N, C-alpha and C. Protein backbone atom coordinates (compact mmCIF):
# COMPACT_ATOMS: atom_id res chain seq x y z
N MET A 1 -37.97 -0.60 -172.44
CA MET A 1 -38.01 -1.99 -171.86
C MET A 1 -37.55 -1.75 -170.37
N THR A 2 -38.20 -1.98 -169.53
CA THR A 2 -38.32 -1.74 -168.15
C THR A 2 -38.26 -2.99 -167.53
N VAL A 3 -37.80 -3.05 -166.14
CA VAL A 3 -37.37 -3.91 -165.09
C VAL A 3 -38.49 -5.21 -165.45
N ASN A 4 -39.63 -4.72 -165.15
CA ASN A 4 -40.98 -5.28 -164.99
C ASN A 4 -41.01 -6.05 -166.58
N ASN A 5 -40.36 -5.75 -167.27
CA ASN A 5 -40.55 -6.26 -168.53
C ASN A 5 -39.67 -7.56 -168.46
N LEU A 6 -38.47 -7.31 -168.11
CA LEU A 6 -37.01 -8.35 -168.00
C LEU A 6 -37.67 -9.50 -166.98
N VAL A 7 -38.18 -9.17 -165.81
CA VAL A 7 -38.85 -10.09 -165.13
C VAL A 7 -40.06 -11.05 -166.02
N ALA A 8 -40.95 -10.14 -166.26
CA ALA A 8 -42.08 -11.22 -166.95
C ALA A 8 -41.21 -12.30 -168.24
N ARG A 9 -40.25 -11.44 -169.09
CA ARG A 9 -39.66 -12.14 -169.97
C ARG A 9 -38.90 -13.84 -169.41
N LEU A 10 -38.25 -13.41 -168.39
CA LEU A 10 -37.41 -14.44 -167.54
C LEU A 10 -38.41 -15.63 -166.59
N GLU A 11 -39.78 -15.05 -166.15
CA GLU A 11 -40.29 -15.72 -165.72
C GLU A 11 -41.01 -16.68 -166.90
N VAL A 12 -41.17 -16.32 -168.04
CA VAL A 12 -41.30 -17.35 -169.15
C VAL A 12 -40.57 -18.47 -169.58
N PHE A 13 -39.13 -17.57 -169.89
CA PHE A 13 -38.17 -18.59 -169.73
C PHE A 13 -37.69 -19.68 -168.97
N ALA A 14 -37.78 -19.11 -167.54
CA ALA A 14 -37.58 -20.11 -166.42
C ALA A 14 -38.72 -21.70 -166.35
N ALA A 15 -39.82 -21.00 -166.56
CA ALA A 15 -41.17 -21.77 -167.31
C ALA A 15 -40.78 -22.84 -167.88
N ALA A 16 -40.32 -22.39 -169.07
CA ALA A 16 -40.05 -23.14 -170.40
C ALA A 16 -38.93 -24.12 -170.38
N ALA A 17 -37.84 -23.62 -169.32
CA ALA A 17 -36.44 -24.15 -168.97
C ALA A 17 -36.68 -25.54 -167.98
N LEU A 18 -37.77 -25.27 -167.40
CA LEU A 18 -37.95 -26.08 -166.06
C LEU A 18 -39.25 -27.04 -166.27
N VAL A 19 -39.54 -27.19 -167.51
CA VAL A 19 -41.40 -27.34 -167.89
C VAL A 19 -41.06 -29.06 -167.24
N ASP A 20 -40.32 -29.34 -167.71
CA ASP A 20 -40.30 -30.96 -167.68
C ASP A 20 -39.49 -32.13 -166.45
N MET A 21 -39.27 -30.84 -165.27
CA MET A 21 -38.94 -31.60 -164.32
C MET A 21 -39.48 -31.71 -163.40
N ARG A 22 -39.36 -33.01 -162.34
CA ARG A 22 -40.56 -33.54 -161.52
C ARG A 22 -40.11 -33.58 -160.32
N LEU A 23 -40.59 -32.71 -159.47
CA LEU A 23 -39.93 -32.82 -158.19
C LEU A 23 -40.87 -32.79 -157.04
N GLU A 24 -40.47 -33.55 -155.51
CA GLU A 24 -41.40 -33.60 -154.59
C GLU A 24 -42.12 -32.03 -154.51
N ALA A 25 -43.51 -32.27 -153.66
CA ALA A 25 -43.98 -31.05 -153.77
C ALA A 25 -44.63 -30.85 -152.22
N HIS A 26 -44.51 -30.06 -151.81
CA HIS A 26 -44.73 -29.79 -150.59
C HIS A 26 -46.53 -29.84 -150.29
N GLY A 27 -47.20 -30.97 -149.51
CA GLY A 27 -48.78 -31.01 -149.34
C GLY A 27 -49.27 -31.80 -150.36
N GLU A 28 -48.58 -32.00 -151.67
CA GLU A 28 -49.15 -32.82 -152.85
C GLU A 28 -48.52 -34.47 -152.93
N ASP A 29 -49.61 -35.29 -153.60
CA ASP A 29 -49.11 -36.49 -153.97
C ASP A 29 -48.48 -36.46 -154.87
N ASP A 30 -48.29 -35.98 -155.94
CA ASP A 30 -47.56 -35.81 -157.15
C ASP A 30 -46.41 -34.98 -157.40
N ALA A 31 -45.51 -35.27 -157.65
CA ALA A 31 -44.02 -34.65 -158.47
C ALA A 31 -44.89 -33.93 -159.38
N ARG A 32 -44.18 -32.64 -159.47
CA ARG A 32 -44.45 -31.87 -160.48
C ARG A 32 -43.33 -30.74 -160.63
N ALA A 33 -43.79 -29.75 -161.80
CA ALA A 33 -42.08 -29.00 -162.13
C ALA A 33 -42.42 -27.78 -161.27
N PRO A 34 -41.61 -27.24 -160.73
CA PRO A 34 -41.44 -25.42 -160.13
C PRO A 34 -42.26 -24.54 -160.24
N VAL A 35 -42.75 -24.32 -159.32
CA VAL A 35 -44.01 -22.97 -159.72
C VAL A 35 -43.19 -21.54 -159.78
N ILE A 36 -43.22 -20.99 -160.89
CA ILE A 36 -42.10 -19.87 -161.07
C ILE A 36 -43.39 -18.24 -160.82
N VAL A 37 -42.43 -17.63 -159.90
CA VAL A 37 -43.00 -16.50 -159.05
C VAL A 37 -42.22 -15.20 -159.64
N ALA A 38 -42.90 -14.32 -160.11
CA ALA A 38 -42.21 -13.18 -159.93
C ALA A 38 -42.66 -12.20 -158.71
N GLY A 39 -41.30 -12.07 -158.64
CA GLY A 39 -41.22 -11.09 -157.86
C GLY A 39 -41.20 -11.57 -155.95
N TRP A 40 -42.17 -11.25 -154.95
CA TRP A 40 -42.07 -12.10 -153.87
C TRP A 40 -43.51 -12.85 -153.71
N LEU A 41 -43.17 -13.77 -152.85
CA LEU A 41 -44.59 -14.53 -152.30
C LEU A 41 -45.70 -14.08 -151.58
N PRO A 42 -46.79 -14.08 -151.47
CA PRO A 42 -48.07 -13.77 -150.84
C PRO A 42 -47.86 -13.80 -149.37
N PRO A 43 -48.33 -13.04 -148.72
CA PRO A 43 -48.44 -13.22 -147.13
C PRO A 43 -48.57 -14.71 -146.90
N LYS A 44 -47.93 -15.28 -146.03
CA LYS A 44 -48.36 -16.89 -145.30
C LYS A 44 -50.03 -16.94 -145.14
N ARG A 45 -50.07 -17.98 -145.41
CA ARG A 45 -52.09 -18.33 -145.65
C ARG A 45 -52.59 -17.65 -146.48
N SER A 46 -52.46 -17.14 -147.35
CA SER A 46 -52.86 -16.58 -148.53
C SER A 46 -53.89 -17.83 -149.17
N ALA A 47 -54.81 -17.41 -149.75
CA ALA A 47 -55.26 -18.01 -150.58
C ALA A 47 -54.59 -18.51 -151.67
N GLY A 48 -54.06 -19.76 -152.25
CA GLY A 48 -53.25 -20.22 -153.20
C GLY A 48 -52.00 -19.52 -153.25
N GLU A 49 -51.66 -19.81 -151.83
CA GLU A 49 -49.68 -19.45 -151.72
C GLU A 49 -49.43 -20.56 -152.41
N PRO A 50 -48.35 -20.34 -153.40
CA PRO A 50 -47.30 -21.26 -153.73
C PRO A 50 -46.75 -22.15 -152.98
N THR A 51 -46.47 -23.23 -152.94
CA THR A 51 -45.72 -24.35 -151.97
C THR A 51 -44.42 -24.90 -153.24
N PRO A 52 -43.44 -25.07 -151.97
CA PRO A 52 -42.25 -25.59 -152.87
C PRO A 52 -42.41 -26.71 -153.90
N PRO A 53 -41.85 -27.11 -154.79
CA PRO A 53 -40.77 -26.27 -155.21
C PRO A 53 -41.11 -25.04 -156.24
N LEU A 54 -40.35 -24.07 -155.98
CA LEU A 54 -40.39 -22.60 -156.16
C LEU A 54 -39.55 -22.27 -157.19
N VAL A 55 -39.76 -21.33 -157.92
CA VAL A 55 -37.94 -20.34 -158.66
C VAL A 55 -39.06 -19.02 -158.44
N LEU A 56 -38.44 -18.11 -157.60
CA LEU A 56 -38.59 -16.70 -157.18
C LEU A 56 -37.80 -15.78 -158.37
N ILE A 57 -38.30 -14.71 -159.28
CA ILE A 57 -37.10 -14.09 -159.88
C ILE A 57 -37.47 -12.58 -159.59
N ARG A 58 -36.71 -12.38 -158.73
CA ARG A 58 -36.45 -10.95 -158.13
C ARG A 58 -35.35 -10.27 -158.41
N PRO A 59 -36.28 -8.72 -158.67
CA PRO A 59 -34.75 -7.63 -159.47
C PRO A 59 -34.46 -7.05 -157.77
N THR A 60 -33.30 -6.97 -157.78
CA THR A 60 -32.73 -6.57 -156.66
C THR A 60 -32.18 -5.11 -156.51
N LYS A 61 -31.66 -4.94 -157.74
CA LYS A 61 -31.00 -3.31 -158.43
C LYS A 61 -30.47 -3.13 -159.40
N GLY A 62 -30.10 -1.73 -159.78
CA GLY A 62 -29.39 -1.41 -160.95
C GLY A 62 -28.71 -0.52 -161.32
N GLN A 63 -28.36 -0.17 -162.48
CA GLN A 63 -27.40 1.19 -162.10
C GLN A 63 -27.28 1.14 -163.76
N ASP A 64 -27.20 2.77 -163.87
CA ASP A 64 -27.42 3.40 -165.29
C ASP A 64 -26.16 3.97 -165.54
N ALA A 65 -25.35 3.85 -166.60
CA ALA A 65 -24.12 4.72 -166.68
C ALA A 65 -24.30 4.99 -168.07
N ILE A 66 -23.16 5.39 -168.83
CA ILE A 66 -23.18 5.96 -169.96
C ILE A 66 -23.42 5.43 -171.01
N ASP A 67 -23.13 4.48 -170.88
CA ASP A 67 -23.18 3.26 -172.20
C ASP A 67 -24.14 2.05 -172.05
N GLY A 68 -25.08 2.33 -171.14
CA GLY A 68 -26.16 1.91 -170.76
C GLY A 68 -26.37 1.55 -169.49
N SER A 69 -27.57 0.24 -169.52
CA SER A 69 -28.02 0.37 -168.00
C SER A 69 -27.74 -1.02 -167.68
N THR A 70 -27.73 -1.57 -166.14
CA THR A 70 -27.33 -2.92 -165.66
C THR A 70 -28.48 -2.90 -164.82
N ILE A 71 -29.30 -4.65 -164.69
CA ILE A 71 -30.21 -4.78 -163.72
C ILE A 71 -29.68 -5.82 -163.09
N GLU A 72 -29.76 -6.09 -162.14
CA GLU A 72 -29.60 -7.49 -160.72
C GLU A 72 -30.92 -8.11 -160.64
N VAL A 73 -30.85 -9.46 -161.21
CA VAL A 73 -31.90 -10.31 -160.90
C VAL A 73 -31.47 -11.62 -160.52
N LEU A 74 -32.20 -11.85 -159.00
CA LEU A 74 -31.71 -13.10 -158.40
C LEU A 74 -33.08 -13.69 -158.63
N PHE A 75 -32.48 -15.52 -159.01
CA PHE A 75 -33.25 -16.36 -158.95
C PHE A 75 -33.14 -17.29 -158.14
N LEU A 76 -34.39 -17.07 -156.93
CA LEU A 76 -34.26 -17.63 -155.48
C LEU A 76 -34.65 -19.05 -155.48
N VAL A 77 -34.48 -20.45 -155.30
CA VAL A 77 -35.11 -21.78 -155.38
C VAL A 77 -35.38 -22.25 -154.05
N GLU A 78 -36.30 -22.65 -154.03
CA GLU A 78 -36.75 -23.37 -152.90
C GLU A 78 -37.85 -24.54 -153.19
N THR A 79 -37.18 -25.75 -152.46
CA THR A 79 -37.53 -27.38 -152.64
C THR A 79 -37.67 -27.70 -151.66
N PHE A 80 -38.49 -29.09 -151.48
CA PHE A 80 -38.99 -29.43 -150.26
C PHE A 80 -38.71 -31.10 -150.35
N SER A 81 -38.37 -31.60 -149.69
CA SER A 81 -37.58 -33.20 -149.45
C SER A 81 -37.67 -33.42 -147.78
N GLU A 82 -37.73 -34.60 -147.81
CA GLU A 82 -37.76 -35.25 -146.36
C GLU A 82 -36.62 -36.02 -145.86
N ASP A 83 -35.92 -35.89 -147.08
CA ASP A 83 -34.79 -36.66 -147.06
C ASP A 83 -33.17 -35.83 -146.76
N GLN A 84 -32.26 -36.75 -146.21
CA GLN A 84 -30.99 -35.41 -146.24
C GLN A 84 -30.59 -34.97 -147.95
N GLU A 85 -31.05 -36.09 -149.05
CA GLU A 85 -30.30 -35.65 -150.15
C GLU A 85 -31.41 -34.44 -150.93
N GLY A 86 -32.46 -34.19 -150.18
CA GLY A 86 -33.25 -32.68 -150.43
C GLY A 86 -32.02 -31.73 -151.21
N TRP A 87 -31.39 -31.27 -150.44
CA TRP A 87 -30.31 -30.18 -151.53
C TRP A 87 -29.91 -30.39 -152.82
N GLN A 88 -30.18 -32.21 -152.98
CA GLN A 88 -29.67 -31.82 -154.68
C GLN A 88 -30.95 -31.50 -155.76
N ASP A 89 -32.27 -31.83 -154.88
CA ASP A 89 -33.37 -31.20 -155.86
C ASP A 89 -33.19 -29.57 -155.96
N ALA A 90 -32.71 -28.61 -155.12
CA ALA A 90 -32.44 -27.31 -155.14
C ALA A 90 -30.98 -27.03 -156.26
N SER A 91 -30.07 -27.99 -156.06
CA SER A 91 -29.16 -28.15 -156.93
C SER A 91 -29.09 -28.25 -158.56
N ASN A 92 -30.07 -29.58 -158.71
CA ASN A 92 -30.65 -29.62 -159.95
C ASN A 92 -31.59 -28.27 -160.72
N ILE A 93 -32.16 -27.78 -160.13
CA ILE A 93 -32.47 -26.53 -160.70
C ILE A 93 -31.91 -25.76 -160.90
N LEU A 94 -31.54 -25.52 -159.89
CA LEU A 94 -29.83 -24.26 -160.46
C LEU A 94 -29.07 -24.59 -161.71
N GLN A 95 -28.97 -25.67 -161.42
CA GLN A 95 -28.24 -26.49 -162.58
C GLN A 95 -28.96 -25.76 -164.28
N ARG A 96 -30.03 -26.53 -164.08
CA ARG A 96 -30.93 -26.28 -165.14
C ARG A 96 -31.25 -25.19 -165.60
N LEU A 97 -31.31 -24.15 -165.23
CA LEU A 97 -31.21 -22.86 -164.95
C LEU A 97 -30.11 -22.26 -165.45
N ARG A 98 -28.75 -22.50 -164.81
CA ARG A 98 -27.59 -21.84 -165.35
C ARG A 98 -27.41 -22.53 -166.45
N GLY A 99 -27.43 -23.79 -167.12
CA GLY A 99 -27.40 -24.14 -168.52
C GLY A 99 -28.44 -23.36 -169.32
N ALA A 100 -29.66 -22.76 -169.01
CA ALA A 100 -30.27 -22.50 -170.05
C ALA A 100 -30.14 -21.04 -170.34
N LEU A 101 -29.46 -20.37 -168.83
CA LEU A 101 -29.15 -19.10 -169.07
C LEU A 101 -28.16 -18.71 -169.77
N THR A 102 -26.83 -19.18 -169.54
CA THR A 102 -25.55 -19.08 -170.66
C THR A 102 -26.02 -19.77 -171.79
N GLY A 103 -26.84 -20.11 -172.08
CA GLY A 103 -27.09 -20.79 -173.88
C GLY A 103 -28.01 -20.08 -174.21
N ALA A 104 -28.49 -18.76 -173.49
CA ALA A 104 -30.00 -18.25 -173.97
C ALA A 104 -29.24 -17.19 -175.46
N ASP A 105 -30.23 -17.08 -176.27
CA ASP A 105 -29.86 -15.46 -176.84
C ASP A 105 -30.50 -14.62 -175.80
N PRO A 106 -29.97 -13.20 -176.39
CA PRO A 106 -30.57 -11.87 -175.34
C PRO A 106 -32.01 -11.87 -175.68
N LEU A 107 -32.65 -11.92 -174.36
CA LEU A 107 -34.35 -11.80 -174.24
C LEU A 107 -34.41 -9.92 -174.60
N GLY A 108 -34.92 -10.10 -175.76
CA GLY A 108 -35.35 -8.55 -176.44
C GLY A 108 -34.01 -7.86 -176.02
N PRO A 109 -33.89 -6.77 -175.83
CA PRO A 109 -33.44 -5.66 -175.31
C PRO A 109 -32.54 -6.12 -174.32
N PHE A 110 -32.50 -7.18 -173.51
CA PHE A 110 -31.61 -7.55 -172.48
C PHE A 110 -30.62 -8.72 -172.86
N CYS A 111 -29.38 -8.47 -172.28
CA CYS A 111 -28.45 -9.22 -172.47
C CYS A 111 -27.43 -9.81 -171.61
N LEU A 112 -27.28 -10.89 -171.16
CA LEU A 112 -26.98 -11.77 -169.80
C LEU A 112 -25.24 -11.59 -169.60
N GLU A 113 -25.03 -11.13 -168.72
CA GLU A 113 -23.34 -10.48 -168.83
C GLU A 113 -22.81 -11.57 -167.57
N LEU A 114 -21.79 -12.10 -167.94
CA LEU A 114 -21.16 -13.16 -167.34
C LEU A 114 -20.02 -12.38 -166.35
N PRO A 115 -19.93 -13.13 -165.55
CA PRO A 115 -20.32 -14.18 -164.85
C PRO A 115 -21.30 -14.17 -164.08
N LEU A 116 -22.01 -15.22 -164.19
CA LEU A 116 -23.04 -15.39 -162.88
C LEU A 116 -22.82 -16.14 -162.16
N THR A 117 -23.01 -15.98 -160.51
CA THR A 117 -23.17 -16.64 -159.59
C THR A 117 -24.12 -17.60 -159.12
N TRP A 118 -23.81 -18.56 -158.15
CA TRP A 118 -24.84 -19.23 -157.78
C TRP A 118 -24.18 -20.18 -156.69
N GLU A 119 -25.28 -19.88 -155.49
CA GLU A 119 -24.99 -20.54 -154.29
C GLU A 119 -25.96 -21.62 -153.61
N LEU A 120 -25.64 -22.59 -152.89
CA LEU A 120 -26.92 -23.51 -152.24
C LEU A 120 -26.79 -22.28 -150.63
N PHE A 121 -27.93 -22.05 -149.75
CA PHE A 121 -27.85 -21.85 -149.02
C PHE A 121 -26.90 -22.41 -147.99
N ALA A 122 -26.34 -21.79 -146.71
CA ALA A 122 -25.53 -22.71 -145.88
C ALA A 122 -26.27 -23.33 -145.06
N ASP A 123 -27.46 -22.59 -144.43
CA ASP A 123 -28.13 -23.62 -143.26
C ASP A 123 -29.69 -23.62 -144.21
N GLN A 124 -29.88 -24.67 -144.32
CA GLN A 124 -30.86 -25.16 -145.03
C GLN A 124 -32.18 -25.39 -143.81
N PRO A 125 -33.46 -24.65 -144.01
CA PRO A 125 -34.22 -25.30 -142.97
C PRO A 125 -35.01 -25.99 -143.37
N GLU A 126 -34.86 -27.32 -143.18
CA GLU A 126 -35.18 -28.69 -143.43
C GLU A 126 -36.41 -29.10 -143.13
N PRO A 127 -37.21 -29.53 -143.95
CA PRO A 127 -37.78 -30.16 -145.06
C PRO A 127 -37.37 -29.34 -146.50
N GLN A 128 -36.96 -27.38 -146.47
CA GLN A 128 -37.19 -27.03 -147.08
C GLN A 128 -35.67 -26.73 -147.36
N TRP A 129 -35.47 -26.70 -148.88
CA TRP A 129 -33.93 -26.71 -149.39
C TRP A 129 -33.82 -25.03 -150.11
N GLY A 130 -32.70 -25.10 -150.50
CA GLY A 130 -32.63 -23.70 -151.45
C GLY A 130 -31.68 -23.48 -151.36
N GLY A 131 -31.35 -22.23 -152.79
CA GLY A 131 -30.31 -21.83 -153.24
C GLY A 131 -30.76 -20.71 -154.34
N PHE A 132 -29.75 -19.77 -154.92
CA PHE A 132 -29.95 -18.74 -155.72
C PHE A 132 -29.01 -18.45 -156.71
N ILE A 133 -29.50 -18.52 -157.83
CA ILE A 133 -28.50 -17.39 -158.96
C ILE A 133 -28.45 -16.10 -158.99
N THR A 134 -27.31 -15.61 -158.66
CA THR A 134 -27.41 -13.50 -159.25
C THR A 134 -27.03 -13.20 -160.26
N THR A 135 -28.06 -12.80 -161.29
CA THR A 135 -27.80 -12.65 -162.82
C THR A 135 -27.67 -10.77 -162.78
N THR A 136 -26.89 -10.37 -164.15
CA THR A 136 -26.51 -8.99 -164.15
C THR A 136 -27.28 -9.15 -165.70
N TRP A 137 -27.94 -8.08 -166.14
CA TRP A 137 -28.61 -8.20 -167.49
C TRP A 137 -28.30 -6.61 -167.96
N THR A 138 -27.95 -6.24 -169.04
CA THR A 138 -27.23 -4.99 -169.74
C THR A 138 -28.86 -4.86 -170.89
N GLN A 139 -29.08 -3.56 -170.85
CA GLN A 139 -29.60 -3.10 -171.70
C GLN A 139 -29.47 -1.84 -172.17
N PRO A 140 -29.91 -0.95 -173.39
CA PRO A 140 -29.44 0.53 -173.74
C PRO A 140 -30.28 1.53 -172.61
N ARG A 141 -29.58 2.63 -172.31
CA ARG A 141 -30.34 3.31 -171.39
C ARG A 141 -31.32 3.49 -171.27
N ILE A 142 -32.23 4.00 -170.54
CA ILE A 142 -33.70 4.65 -170.51
C ILE A 142 -34.07 5.53 -171.32
N ASP A 143 -32.78 6.34 -170.95
CA ASP A 143 -33.25 7.79 -172.29
C ASP A 143 -32.84 7.06 -173.58
N GLN A 144 -32.57 6.25 -174.15
CA GLN A 144 -32.13 5.94 -175.10
C GLN A 144 -33.34 5.06 -175.91
N ILE A 145 -33.83 4.45 -174.93
CA ILE A 145 -35.23 3.75 -175.78
C ILE A 145 -36.30 4.08 -175.50
N GLY A 146 -36.50 5.47 -174.74
CA GLY A 146 -37.42 6.19 -174.99
C GLY A 146 -38.65 5.84 -174.41
N ILE A 147 -37.95 5.53 -172.96
CA ILE A 147 -39.20 5.39 -171.81
C ILE A 147 -39.36 6.27 -170.33
N THR A 148 -40.29 6.60 -170.43
CA THR A 148 -40.51 8.33 -169.85
C THR A 148 -40.99 7.56 -168.43
N GLN A 149 -41.64 6.26 -168.01
CA GLN A 149 -42.48 6.33 -167.27
C GLN A 149 -41.70 5.36 -166.20
């Protein structure tokens, strides 16, 4: 199982956890659930560029040790709101993800290690609001699960 496999599983997991959330969407008339993006956003002005609310699932680093491997994954949240209460939308997404993650079974060979940490950005570029969750996942060592590529 690779880092890419973990991110793909987390993408499905996050979409299911947030499917019924409805938040103000930048440039749209109707509220909607956050868009889930694996990795990084496309360059600005790209066709089909997702707009807030969004959740980016981004692997950041890992470590291989004798007893297994760890993978750090960030959940970056971005919301849009014209009012000063916009930070609450970002906080609500973080809370929903935290609850889902801490109550979840392992995702295949990947197990969430506690504690996870979360933070709202100190400087908010209004009308966009954001924060992140840092998670650490364990899995058997690569050589133990037979991955060669």
